C-alpha atoms as a PDB file:
ATOM      1  CA  UNK A   1      24.283  18.303  16.885  1.00  0.00           C
ATOM      2  CA  UNK A   2      22.755  14.765  17.392  1.00  0.00           C
ATOM      3  CA  UNK A   3      24.540  11.814  15.566  1.00  0.00           C
ATOM      4  CA  UNK A   4      21.821  10.279  13.572  1.00  0.00           C
ATOM      5  CA  UNK A   5      22.660   6.944  11.907  1.00  0.00           C
ATOM      6  CA  UNK A   6      20.554   4.629  10.005  1.00  0.00           C
ATOM      7  CA  UNK A   7      21.638   1.054   9.771  1.00  0.00           C
ATOM      8  CA  UNK A   8      19.964  -1.681   7.476  1.00  0.00           C
ATOM      9  CA  UNK A   9      18.104  -2.922  10.401  1.00  0.00           C
ATOM     10  CA  UNK A  10      16.419   0.175  10.639  1.00  0.00           C
ATOM     11  CA  UNK A  11      15.758   0.391   7.038  1.00  0.00           C
ATOM     12  CA  UNK A  12      14.180  -3.447   7.192  1.00  0.00           C
ATOM     13  CA  UNK A  13      12.260  -2.602  10.460  1.00  0.00           C
ATOM     14  CA  UNK A  14      10.673   0.500   8.708  1.00  0.00           C
ATOM     15  CA  UNK A  15       9.623  -1.429   5.810  1.00  0.00           C
ATOM     16  CA  UNK A  16       8.218  -4.116   7.818  1.00  0.00           C
ATOM     17  CA  UNK A  17       6.309  -1.837   9.961  1.00  0.00           C
ATOM     18  CA  UNK A  18       4.876   0.178   6.849  1.00  0.00           C
ATOM     19  CA  UNK A  19       3.674  -3.315   5.221  1.00  0.00           C
ATOM     20  CA  UNK A  20       1.598  -4.170   8.599  1.00  0.00           C
ATOM     21  CA  UNK A  21       0.453  -0.902   8.867  1.00  0.00           C
ATOM     22  CA  UNK A  22      -0.800  -0.936   5.259  1.00  0.00           C
ATOM     23  CA  UNK A  23      -2.325  -4.566   5.868  1.00  0.00           C
ATOM     24  CA  UNK A  24      -4.041  -3.403   8.951  1.00  0.00           C
ATOM     25  CA  UNK A  25      -5.200  -0.562   6.872  1.00  0.00           C
ATOM     26  CA  UNK A  26      -6.802  -2.894   4.023  1.00  0.00           C
ATOM     27  CA  UNK A  27      -8.174  -5.320   6.653  1.00  0.00           C
ATOM     28  CA  UNK A  28     -10.206  -2.696   8.781  1.00  0.00           C
ATOM     29  CA  UNK A  29     -11.246  -0.968   5.854  1.00  0.00           C
ATOM     30  CA  UNK A  30     -12.731  -4.490   4.235  1.00  0.00           C
ATOM     31  CA  UNK A  31     -14.245  -5.058   7.585  1.00  0.00           C
ATOM     32  CA  UNK A  32     -15.713  -1.652   7.657  1.00  0.00           C
ATOM     33  CA  UNK A  33     -17.295  -2.108   4.202  1.00  0.00           C
ATOM     34  CA  UNK A  34     -18.392  -5.742   5.181  1.00  0.00           C
ATOM     35  CA  UNK A  35     -20.067  -4.616   7.997  1.00  0.00           C
ATOM     36  CA  UNK A  36     -21.721  -1.765   6.273  1.00  0.00           C
ATOM     37  CA  UNK A  37     -23.087  -3.920   3.803  1.00  0.00           C
ATOM     38  CA  UNK A  38     -24.402  -6.447   6.303  1.00  0.00           C
ATOM     39  CA  UNK A  39     -25.983  -3.586   8.014  1.00  0.00           C
ATOM     40  CA  UNK A  40     -27.633  -2.360   4.728  1.00  0.00           C
ATOM     41  CA  UNK A  41     -28.676  -5.601   3.658  1.00  0.00           C
ATOM     42  CA  UNK A  42     -32.002  -6.369   5.907  1.00  0.00           C
ATOM     43  CA  UNK A  43     -33.253  -2.649   4.856  1.00  0.00           C
ATOM     44  CA  UNK A  44     -32.552  -3.758   1.135  1.00  0.00           C
ATOM     45  CA  UNK A  45     -34.686  -6.809   1.502  1.00  0.00           C
ATOM     46  CA  UNK A  46     -37.335  -5.035   3.466  1.00  0.00           C
ATOM     47  CA  UNK A  47     -37.458  -2.683   0.535  1.00  0.00           C
ATOM     48  CA  UNK A  48     -37.614  -5.226  -2.075  1.00  0.00           C
ATOM     49  CA  UNK A  49     -40.583  -7.342  -0.223  1.00  0.00           C
ATOM     50  CA  UNK A  50     -42.713  -4.197   0.284  1.00  0.00           C
ATOM     51  CA  UNK A  51     -42.175  -3.581  -3.665  1.00  0.00           C
ATOM     52  CA  UNK A  52     -43.668  -6.760  -4.508  1.00  0.00           C
END
């Protein structure tokens, strides 16, 4: 059988990695939503201009 040991450094590293992954996910999600809004903005303005 393999000997698996978990040290305090491993736990801290995993928490730090999970935090970084979550922050990257949130940052990329915000960038995606912002990009989609910027992409849709000209079309929204064109529709508003055509309606008037």
